[in-house]
Amino acid sequence: MSAGVLVLSFLYTLKVARQQKALKNELDTDLPDKVQEHPYTRNPIFLTYLIAAVLVILFIIYKAVDLYAV
C-alpha cells in the first residue's frame, strides 16, 4: 500500500510541476475586492489556526472542569 501512495504522490508531483512550467509566464490575477478589504478574515490559513486555537482552549477548559469536578 505504501508503494502505491509513493507512486501516486510521485505522479501527482510530476503533474503539478508540468502545470507550473506551463503557467510560468502567466501574470497573477487581481484579488477580489472582498479579499482586499478583509485579507485576514478571508485567509483560510488564519481561519484554520483560529479554529484550532479555540478548540484547544475549549478542550483545556473541559479537562480542567472534568478534573476538578467533585
PDB file of N, CA and C in Angstrom:
ATOM      1  N   MET A   1       0.822  -1.186   0.000  1.00  0.00           N
ATOM      2  CA  MET A   1       0.000   0.000   0.000  1.00  0.00           C
ATOM      3  C   MET A   1       0.872   1.259   0.000  1.00  0.00           C
ATOM      4  N   SER A   2       1.947   1.236   0.772  1.00  0.00           N
ATOM      5  CA  SER A   2       2.814   2.415   0.817  1.00  0.00           C
ATOM      6  C   SER A   2       3.480   2.660  -0.536  1.00  0.00           C
ATOM      7  N   ALA A   3       3.747   1.587  -1.282  1.00  0.00           N
ATOM      8  CA  ALA A   3       4.327   1.760  -2.613  1.00  0.00           C
ATOM      9  C   ALA A   3       3.328   2.449  -3.537  1.00  0.00           C
ATOM     10  N   GLY A   4       2.054   2.121  -3.383  1.00  0.00           N
ATOM     11  CA  GLY A   4       1.016   2.768  -4.180  1.00  0.00           C
ATOM     12  C   GLY A   4       0.914   4.248  -3.873  1.00  0.00           C
ATOM     13  N   VAL A   5       0.982   4.592  -2.589  1.00  0.00           N
ATOM     14  CA  VAL A   5       0.943   6.001  -2.187  1.00  0.00           C
ATOM     15  C   VAL A   5       2.167   6.724  -2.737  1.00  0.00           C
ATOM     16  N   LEU A   6       3.312   6.072  -2.691  1.00  0.00           N
ATOM     17  CA  LEU A   6       4.544   6.662  -3.212  1.00  0.00           C
ATOM     18  C   LEU A   6       4.433   6.935  -4.707  1.00  0.00           C
ATOM     19  N   VAL A   7       3.920   5.973  -5.458  1.00  0.00           N
ATOM     20  CA  VAL A   7       3.779   6.143  -6.907  1.00  0.00           C
ATOM     21  C   VAL A   7       2.780   7.250  -7.222  1.00  0.00           C
ATOM     22  N   LEU A   8       1.631   7.245  -6.551  1.00  0.00           N
ATOM     23  CA  LEU A   8       0.628   8.285  -6.787  1.00  0.00           C
ATOM     24  C   LEU A   8       1.163   9.670  -6.429  1.00  0.00           C
ATOM     25  N   SER A   9       1.895   9.766  -5.343  1.00  0.00           N
ATOM     26  CA  SER A   9       2.477  11.050  -4.946  1.00  0.00           C
ATOM     27  C   SER A   9       3.489  11.534  -5.977  1.00  0.00           C
ATOM     28  N   PHE A  10       4.289  10.626  -6.482  1.00  0.00           N
ATOM     29  CA  PHE A  10       5.278  10.991  -7.495  1.00  0.00           C
ATOM     30  C   PHE A  10       4.607  11.461  -8.774  1.00  0.00           C
ATOM     31  N   LEU A  11       3.569  10.742  -9.209  1.00  0.00           N
ATOM     32  CA  LEU A  11       2.850  11.136 -10.422  1.00  0.00           C
ATOM     33  C   LEU A  11       2.162  12.485 -10.241  1.00  0.00           C
ATOM     34  N   TYR A  12       1.591  12.705  -9.085  1.00  0.00           N
ATOM     35  CA  TYR A  12       0.944  13.992  -8.815  1.00  0.00           C
ATOM     36  C   TYR A  12       1.967  15.125  -8.809  1.00  0.00           C
ATOM     37  N   THR A  13       3.133  14.871  -8.248  1.00  0.00           N
ATOM     38  CA  THR A  13       4.196  15.873  -8.235  1.00  0.00           C
ATOM     39  C   THR A  13       4.632  16.217  -9.654  1.00  0.00           C
ATOM     40  N   LEU A  14       4.762  15.224 -10.506  1.00  0.00           N
ATOM     41  CA  LEU A  14       5.120  15.487 -11.896  1.00  0.00           C
ATOM     42  C   LEU A  14       4.044  16.309 -12.596  1.00  0.00           C
ATOM     43  N   LYS A  15       2.785  15.985 -12.337  1.00  0.00           N
ATOM     44  CA  LYS A  15       1.670  16.719 -12.943  1.00  0.00           C
ATOM     45  C   LYS A  15       1.703  18.189 -12.523  1.00  0.00           C
ATOM     46  N   VAL A  16       1.898  18.441 -11.235  1.00  0.00           N
ATOM     47  CA  VAL A  16       1.940  19.818 -10.733  1.00  0.00           C
ATOM     48  C   VAL A  16       3.145  20.554 -11.304  1.00  0.00           C
ATOM     49  N   ALA A  17       4.277  19.882 -11.422  1.00  0.00           N
ATOM     50  CA  ALA A  17       5.477  20.516 -11.979  1.00  0.00           C
ATOM     51  C   ALA A  17       5.249  20.922 -13.429  1.00  0.00           C
ATOM     52  N   ARG A  18       4.577  20.081 -14.198  1.00  0.00           N
ATOM     53  CA  ARG A  18       4.278  20.436 -15.590  1.00  0.00           C
ATOM     54  C   ARG A  18       3.342  21.631 -15.655  1.00  0.00           C
ATOM     55  N   GLN A  19       2.360  21.675 -14.770  1.00  0.00           N
ATOM     56  CA  GLN A  19       1.436  22.812 -14.754  1.00  0.00           C
ATOM     57  C   GLN A  19       2.176  24.094 -14.397  1.00  0.00           C
ATOM     58  N   GLN A  20       3.108  24.018 -13.471  1.00  0.00           N
ATOM     59  CA  GLN A  20       3.865  25.202 -13.077  1.00  0.00           C
ATOM     60  C   GLN A  20       4.730  25.712 -14.231  1.00  0.00           C
ATOM     61  N   LYS A  21       5.314  24.784 -14.990  1.00  0.00           N
ATOM     62  CA  LYS A  21       6.111  25.199 -16.139  1.00  0.00           C
ATOM     63  C   LYS A  21       5.232  25.881 -17.182  1.00  0.00           C
ATOM     64  N   ALA A  22       4.021  25.361 -17.374  1.00  0.00           N
ATOM     65  CA  ALA A  22       3.111  25.942 -18.362  1.00  0.00           C
ATOM     66  C   ALA A  22       2.642  27.325 -17.934  1.00  0.00           C
ATOM     67  N   LEU A  23       2.498  27.552 -16.646  1.00  0.00           N
ATOM     68  CA  LEU A  23       1.993  28.826 -16.137  1.00  0.00           C
ATOM     69  C   LEU A  23       3.101  29.798 -15.745  1.00  0.00           C
ATOM     70  N   LYS A  24       4.321  29.457 -16.015  1.00  0.00           N
ATOM     71  CA  LYS A  24       5.449  30.258 -15.538  1.00  0.00           C
ATOM     72  C   LYS A  24       5.387  31.698 -16.044  1.00  0.00           C
ATOM     73  N   ASN A  25       4.948  31.906 -17.273  1.00  0.00           N
ATOM     74  CA  ASN A  25       4.929  33.244 -17.845  1.00  0.00           C
ATOM     75  C   ASN A  25       3.598  33.958 -17.649  1.00  0.00           C
ATOM     76  N   GLU A  26       2.642  33.328 -17.005  1.00  0.00           N
ATOM     77  CA  GLU A  26       1.342  33.947 -16.766  1.00  0.00           C
ATOM     78  C   GLU A  26       1.448  34.967 -15.641  1.00  0.00           C
ATOM     79  N   LEU A  27       0.667  36.030 -15.740  1.00  0.00           N
ATOM     80  CA  LEU A  27       0.605  37.018 -14.670  1.00  0.00           C
ATOM     81  C   LEU A  27      -0.478  36.632 -13.677  1.00  0.00           C
ATOM     82  N   ASP A  28      -0.292  37.014 -12.448  1.00  0.00           N
ATOM     83  CA  ASP A  28      -1.308  36.757 -11.438  1.00  0.00           C
ATOM     84  C   ASP A  28      -2.527  37.627 -11.704  1.00  0.00           C
ATOM     85  N   THR A  29      -3.690  37.100 -11.343  1.00  0.00           N
ATOM     86  CA  THR A  29      -4.915  37.879 -11.489  1.00  0.00           C
ATOM     87  C   THR A  29      -5.089  38.764 -10.263  1.00  0.00           C
ATOM     88  N   ASP A  30      -5.936  39.768 -10.389  1.00  0.00           N
ATOM     89  CA  ASP A  30      -6.219  40.657  -9.267  1.00  0.00           C
ATOM     90  C   ASP A  30      -7.051  39.937  -8.218  1.00  0.00           C
ATOM     91  N   LEU A  31      -6.863  40.330  -6.974  1.00  0.00           N
ATOM     92  CA  LEU A  31      -7.655  39.769  -5.886  1.00  0.00           C
ATOM     93  C   LEU A  31      -9.047  40.387  -5.899  1.00  0.00           C
ATOM     94  N   PRO A  32     -10.068  39.608  -5.526  1.00  0.00           N
ATOM     95  CA  PRO A  32     -11.411  40.181  -5.418  1.00  0.00           C
ATOM     96  C   PRO A  32     -11.451  41.296  -4.372  1.00  0.00           C
ATOM     97  N   ASP A  33     -12.393  42.223  -4.529  1.00  0.00           N
ATOM     98  CA  ASP A  33     -12.496  43.369  -3.618  1.00  0.00           C
ATOM     99  C   ASP A  33     -12.721  42.941  -2.174  1.00  0.00           C
ATOM    100  N   LYS A  34     -13.555  41.914  -1.958  1.00  0.00           N
ATOM    101  CA  LYS A  34     -13.837  41.467  -0.590  1.00  0.00           C
ATOM    102  C   LYS A  34     -12.573  40.952   0.091  1.00  0.00           C
ATOM    103  N   VAL A  35     -11.735  40.277  -0.659  1.00  0.00           N
ATOM    104  CA  VAL A  35     -10.491  39.754  -0.090  1.00  0.00           C
ATOM    105  C   VAL A  35      -9.530  40.903   0.199  1.00  0.00           C
ATOM    106  N   GLN A  36      -9.492  41.894  -0.667  1.00  0.00           N
ATOM    107  CA  GLN A  36      -8.616  43.038  -0.430  1.00  0.00           C
ATOM    108  C   GLN A  36      -9.058  43.832   0.789  1.00  0.00           C
ATOM    109  N   GLU A  37     -10.369  43.906   1.019  1.00  0.00           N
ATOM    110  CA  GLU A  37     -10.881  44.649   2.170  1.00  0.00           C
ATOM    111  C   GLU A  37     -10.626  43.911   3.481  1.00  0.00           C
ATOM    112  N   HIS A  38     -10.670  42.586   3.452  1.00  0.00           N
ATOM    113  CA  HIS A  38     -10.524  41.772   4.665  1.00  0.00           C
ATOM    114  C   HIS A  38      -9.497  40.658   4.418  1.00  0.00           C
ATOM    115  N   PRO A  39      -8.218  40.992   4.327  1.00  0.00           N
ATOM    116  CA  PRO A  39      -7.236  39.971   3.967  1.00  0.00           C
ATOM    117  C   PRO A  39      -7.051  38.886   5.021  1.00  0.00           C
ATOM    118  N   TYR A  40      -7.322  39.192   6.290  1.00  0.00           N
ATOM    119  CA  TYR A  40      -7.101  38.191   7.335  1.00  0.00           C
ATOM    120  C   TYR A  40      -8.310  37.299   7.527  1.00  0.00           C
ATOM    121  N   THR A  41      -9.499  37.853   7.461  1.00  0.00           N
ATOM    122  CA  THR A  41     -10.693  37.039   7.684  1.00  0.00           C
ATOM    123  C   THR A  41     -11.013  36.165   6.484  1.00  0.00           C
ATOM    124  N   ARG A  42     -10.500  36.487   5.328  1.00  0.00           N
ATOM    125  CA  ARG A  42     -10.739  35.673   4.127  1.00  0.00           C
ATOM    126  C   ARG A  42      -9.595  34.700   3.852  1.00  0.00           C
ATOM    127  N   ASN A  43      -8.618  34.633   4.736  1.00  0.00           N
ATOM    128  CA  ASN A  43      -7.472  33.759   4.550  1.00  0.00           C
ATOM    129  C   ASN A  43      -7.731  32.435   5.273  1.00  0.00           C
ATOM    130  N   PRO A  44      -7.808  31.322   4.546  1.00  0.00           N
ATOM    131  CA  PRO A  44      -8.124  30.039   5.188  1.00  0.00           C
ATOM    132  C   PRO A  44      -7.062  29.568   6.174  1.00  0.00           C
ATOM    133  N   ILE A  45      -5.815  29.976   6.003  1.00  0.00           N
ATOM    134  CA  ILE A  45      -4.767  29.568   6.941  1.00  0.00           C
ATOM    135  C   ILE A  45      -5.001  30.214   8.300  1.00  0.00           C
ATOM    136  N   PHE A  46      -5.280  31.520   8.307  1.00  0.00           N
ATOM    137  CA  PHE A  46      -5.562  32.204   9.563  1.00  0.00           C
ATOM    138  C   PHE A  46      -6.812  31.634  10.226  1.00  0.00           C
ATOM    139  N   LEU A  47      -7.827  31.348   9.427  1.00  0.00           N
ATOM    140  CA  LEU A  47      -9.055  30.783   9.987  1.00  0.00           C
ATOM    141  C   LEU A  47      -8.791  29.409  10.597  1.00  0.00           C
ATOM    142  N   THR A  48      -7.958  28.615   9.954  1.00  0.00           N
ATOM    143  CA  THR A  48      -7.627  27.292  10.481  1.00  0.00           C
ATOM    144  C   THR A  48      -6.912  27.399  11.822  1.00  0.00           C
ATOM    145  N   TYR A  49      -5.938  28.299  11.916  1.00  0.00           N
ATOM    146  CA  TYR A  49      -5.235  28.493  13.188  1.00  0.00           C
ATOM    147  C   TYR A  49      -6.173  29.011  14.270  1.00  0.00           C
ATOM    148  N   LEU A  50      -7.057  29.912  13.912  1.00  0.00           N
ATOM    149  CA  LEU A  50      -8.007  30.452  14.880  1.00  0.00           C
ATOM    150  C   LEU A  50      -8.945  29.364  15.394  1.00  0.00           C
ATOM    151  N   ILE A  51      -9.493  28.570  14.499  1.00  0.00           N
ATOM    152  CA  ILE A  51     -10.404  27.492  14.901  1.00  0.00           C
ATOM    153  C   ILE A  51      -9.662  26.462  15.747  1.00  0.00           C
ATOM    154  N   ALA A  52      -8.437  26.112  15.365  1.00  0.00           N
ATOM    155  CA  ALA A  52      -7.655  25.143  16.137  1.00  0.00           C
ATOM    156  C   ALA A  52      -7.358  25.673  17.531  1.00  0.00           C
ATOM    157  N   ALA A  53      -7.010  26.947  17.638  1.00  0.00           N
ATOM    158  CA  ALA A  53      -6.724  27.535  18.951  1.00  0.00           C
ATOM    159  C   ALA A  53      -7.964  27.524  19.831  1.00  0.00           C
ATOM    160  N   VAL A  54      -9.113  27.861  19.264  1.00  0.00           N
ATOM    161  CA  VAL A  54     -10.360  27.852  20.040  1.00  0.00           C
ATOM    162  C   VAL A  54     -10.677  26.437  20.508  1.00  0.00           C
ATOM    163  N   LEU A  55     -10.506  25.453  19.638  1.00  0.00           N
ATOM    164  CA  LEU A  55     -10.779  24.067  20.031  1.00  0.00           C
ATOM    165  C   LEU A  55      -9.828  23.597  21.131  1.00  0.00           C
ATOM    166  N   VAL A  56      -8.569  23.962  21.047  1.00  0.00           N
ATOM    167  CA  VAL A  56      -7.604  23.574  22.087  1.00  0.00           C
ATOM    168  C   VAL A  56      -7.973  24.222  23.415  1.00  0.00           C
ATOM    169  N   ILE A  57      -8.329  25.492  23.386  1.00  0.00           N
ATOM    170  CA  ILE A  57      -8.725  26.184  24.623  1.00  0.00           C
ATOM    171  C   ILE A  57      -9.971  25.546  25.219  1.00  0.00           C
ATOM    172  N   LEU A  58     -10.950  25.228  24.380  1.00  0.00           N
ATOM    173  CA  LEU A  58     -12.165  24.572  24.885  1.00  0.00           C
ATOM    174  C   LEU A  58     -11.849  23.203  25.475  1.00  0.00           C
ATOM    175  N   PHE A  59     -10.943  22.463  24.850  1.00  0.00           N
ATOM    176  CA  PHE A  59     -10.557  21.157  25.374  1.00  0.00           C
ATOM    177  C   PHE A  59      -9.852  21.294  26.722  1.00  0.00           C
ATOM    178  N   ILE A  60      -8.979  22.282  26.849  1.00  0.00           N
ATOM    179  CA  ILE A  60      -8.287  22.511  28.122  1.00  0.00           C
ATOM    180  C   ILE A  60      -9.285  22.869  29.212  1.00  0.00           C
ATOM    181  N   ILE A  61     -10.229  23.724  28.889  1.00  0.00           N
ATOM    182  CA  ILE A  61     -11.258  24.099  29.871  1.00  0.00           C
ATOM    183  C   ILE A  61     -12.086  22.885  30.259  1.00  0.00           C
ATOM    184  N   TYR A  62     -12.466  22.075  29.278  1.00  0.00           N
ATOM    185  CA  TYR A  62     -13.247  20.871  29.561  1.00  0.00           C
ATOM    186  C   TYR A  62     -12.484  19.929  30.492  1.00  0.00           C
ATOM    187  N   LYS A  63     -11.214  19.693  30.188  1.00  0.00           N
ATOM    188  CA  LYS A  63     -10.420  18.786  31.024  1.00  0.00           C
ATOM    189  C   LYS A  63     -10.210  19.358  32.423  1.00  0.00           C
ATOM    190  N   ALA A  64     -10.026  20.667  32.539  1.00  0.00           N
ATOM    191  CA  ALA A  64      -9.842  21.287  33.850  1.00  0.00           C
ATOM    192  C   ALA A  64     -11.110  21.161  34.680  1.00  0.00           C
ATOM    193  N   VAL A  65     -12.252  21.400  34.077  1.00  0.00           N
ATOM    194  CA  VAL A  65     -13.523  21.279  34.797  1.00  0.00           C
ATOM    195  C   VAL A  65     -13.773  19.823  35.158  1.00  0.00           C
ATOM    196  N   ASP A  66     -13.481  18.916  34.248  1.00  0.00           N
ATOM    197  CA  ASP A  66     -13.692  17.490  34.496  1.00  0.00           C
ATOM    198  C   ASP A  66     -12.767  16.979  35.598  1.00  0.00           C
ATOM    199  N   LEU A  67     -11.545  17.460  35.643  1.00  0.00           N
ATOM    200  CA  LEU A  67     -10.572  17.011  36.635  1.00  0.00           C
ATOM    201  C   LEU A  67     -10.937  17.491  38.036  1.00  0.00           C
ATOM    202  N   TYR A  68     -11.378  18.747  38.143  1.00  0.00           N
ATOM    203  CA  TYR A  68     -11.647  19.325  39.454  1.00  0.00           C
ATOM    204  C   TYR A  68     -13.109  19.254  39.868  1.00  0.00           C
ATOM    205  N   ALA A  69     -13.948  18.620  39.057  1.00  0.00           N
ATOM    206  CA  ALA A  69     -15.359  18.476  39.427  1.00  0.00           C
ATOM    207  C   ALA A  69     -15.476  17.457  40.558  1.00  0.00           C
ATOM    208  N   VAL A  70     -16.254  17.795  41.535  1.00  0.00           N
ATOM    209  CA  VAL A  70     -16.400  16.910  42.697  1.00  0.00           C
ATOM    210  C   VAL A  70     -17.706  16.181  42.636  1.00  0.00           C
TER     211      VAL A  70
END
